[in-house]
Amino acid sequence: MSVLQTAEKHNLNALAYLRYHLDACAKSGGPPPDLEKFLPWNIPDEIIREYGMARGRDHPANFPLTICDRSLNLCDIELIRQIILSDPTASRVQISREVCQAWSWFKPDGDLKDTSCRVLLLRLHRLGLIALPAPAGQV
């Protein structure tokens, strides 16, 4: 069984798992010194969340993923992550508006599809694909 098959067997998103491992290889300039920590059953929950390696039956192993009538691919998820990382102080509303602008996601009347976007972001957060800041007032 391959490493990626093992990751899938342990309910990890194989692409996210691979990205985690390759990031570690890049940081160490070769194979990471402690390969034991990269075994699927040893990966801490915070790393699973950070890399979007959502566990369980709800993880979207197959893309595109459709939420709120919007088809999402891995590039869309990465764009959202970059928007979130670009301003650590941004609220969920600010993030939603920036995502709508980046996607040119508007209602027929020209307003941003902000509510749909917030629902989409929350679903992605709950799936472990992105990490949203705490809701306003819950810091």
Foldseek 3Di string as FASTA:
>chain_A
DDQLVQLVVQQWQSVLLVVVQVVCCVVVVHGHPDCVCSRNVNPDPVSCLASVRFGDDPAPSDAQDAALNDTDDPVLLVVLQCLCVVDVVDALQRSLVVSQVVVVAADPVGHGPSVSSSRVVVVCSVRSSHPHDDHPPPD
